[in-house]
Amino acid sequence: MSSPNPGPELPPRLARIRFRAWHRGTREADYMIGCFFDRFHHDWSEKDVLWFEDLLEEDDVHVMAWALKTEPVPERYAGPLMERMQQLDYVDIPR
């Protein structure tokens, strides 16, 4: 699956991250994680990018549970980015 709106060309590192965010294995995870990247990566610091790269290493079931607040968030992922992910108002599913 690819993003419904690829947008402008990204530097190679961010393009790889974006690809991984949109190719998670389930449609639900693709939209949750891919839309999060698309909506917010423009404002991320290097530390934020590293946080997201680490998050991409986690199993989708955990990332989604943390975002949906059905599992406690591990300390290493707790903070402003996870709090933003938990709002879920960035998910844009085309009809």
Protein backbone atom coordinates (compact mmCIF):
# COMPACT_ATOMS: atom_id res chain seq x y z
CA MET A 1 0.00 0.00 0.00
CA SER A 2 1.25 3.48 -0.65
CA SER A 3 0.15 6.73 0.83
CA PRO A 4 -2.94 8.23 -0.75
CA ASN A 5 -1.11 11.55 -1.06
CA PRO A 6 2.65 11.14 -1.58
CA GLY A 7 3.38 14.89 -1.48
CA PRO A 8 6.74 16.44 -2.35
CA GLU A 9 9.90 14.41 -2.78
CA LEU A 10 11.73 13.73 0.47
CA PRO A 11 15.41 13.38 1.27
CA PRO A 12 16.47 9.70 1.05
CA ARG A 13 16.40 9.03 4.80
CA LEU A 14 12.90 10.45 5.24
CA ALA A 15 11.73 8.68 2.09
CA ARG A 16 12.85 5.34 3.57
CA ILE A 17 11.12 6.15 6.86
CA ARG A 18 7.96 7.14 5.02
CA PHE A 19 7.98 3.91 3.03
CA ARG A 20 8.32 1.87 6.23
CA ALA A 21 5.53 3.89 7.89
CA TRP A 22 3.16 3.11 4.99
CA HIS A 23 4.11 -0.56 4.57
CA ARG A 24 3.41 -2.07 7.97
CA GLY A 25 1.47 -5.16 7.02
CA THR A 26 -2.07 -4.16 7.92
CA ARG A 27 -4.18 -1.41 6.47
CA GLU A 28 -5.03 -0.07 9.94
CA ALA A 29 -1.37 0.24 10.91
CA ASP A 30 -0.49 1.74 7.53
CA TYR A 31 -3.01 4.51 8.01
CA MET A 32 -2.23 5.15 11.66
CA ILE A 33 1.55 5.21 11.33
CA GLY A 34 1.77 6.49 7.76
CA CYS A 35 -0.66 9.34 8.30
CA PHE A 36 1.16 10.28 11.50
CA PHE A 37 4.42 10.55 9.58
CA ASP A 38 2.89 12.47 6.69
CA ARG A 39 1.14 14.97 8.94
CA PHE A 40 3.92 15.74 11.40
CA HIS A 41 7.41 14.89 10.11
CA HIS A 42 7.92 18.41 8.70
CA ASP A 43 8.38 19.82 12.19
CA TRP A 44 10.50 17.03 13.68
CA SER A 45 13.94 17.49 15.14
CA GLU A 46 16.67 14.90 14.69
CA LYS A 47 15.67 13.47 18.09
CA ASP A 48 12.06 13.13 16.90
CA VAL A 49 13.16 11.35 13.71
CA LEU A 50 15.24 8.93 15.78
CA TRP A 51 12.22 8.30 18.05
CA PHE A 52 10.06 7.48 15.04
CA GLU A 53 12.72 5.23 13.50
CA ASP A 54 12.85 3.31 16.79
CA LEU A 55 9.06 3.12 16.91
CA LEU A 56 9.04 1.59 13.42
CA GLU A 57 11.03 -1.35 14.82
CA GLU A 58 8.16 -2.26 17.14
CA ASP A 59 5.36 -4.66 16.26
CA ASP A 60 2.26 -2.97 14.89
CA VAL A 61 0.05 -4.53 17.52
CA HIS A 62 2.01 -2.71 20.23
CA VAL A 63 2.27 0.63 18.44
CA MET A 64 -1.46 0.60 17.77
CA ALA A 65 -2.24 -0.41 21.37
CA TRP A 66 -0.11 2.45 22.69
CA ALA A 67 -1.77 4.92 20.33
CA LEU A 68 -5.23 3.63 21.28
CA LYS A 69 -4.26 3.67 24.99
CA THR A 70 -5.10 0.00 25.47
CA GLU A 71 -1.54 -0.85 26.61
CA PRO A 72 0.81 1.24 28.73
CA VAL A 73 3.40 3.12 26.70
CA PRO A 74 6.99 2.05 27.41
CA GLU A 75 9.02 4.83 28.99
CA ARG A 76 11.28 5.16 25.94
CA TYR A 77 8.26 6.10 23.79
CA ALA A 78 6.38 8.21 26.34
CA GLY A 79 6.33 11.94 25.71
CA PRO A 80 4.98 14.57 23.35
CA LEU A 81 5.17 12.54 20.14
CA MET A 82 3.29 9.59 21.60
CA GLU A 83 0.77 11.95 23.19
CA ARG A 84 0.25 13.47 19.75
CA MET A 85 -0.08 10.01 18.19
CA GLN A 86 -2.74 9.14 20.76
CA GLN A 87 -5.00 11.96 19.55
CA LEU A 88 -5.67 10.01 16.32
CA ASP A 89 -7.06 13.11 14.59
CA TYR A 90 -4.41 12.87 11.86
CA VAL A 91 -5.73 9.63 10.31
CA ASP A 92 -7.20 10.42 6.90
CA ILE A 93 -8.77 7.39 5.25
CA PRO A 94 -9.81 8.09 1.64
CA ARG A 95 -13.25 6.89 0.63
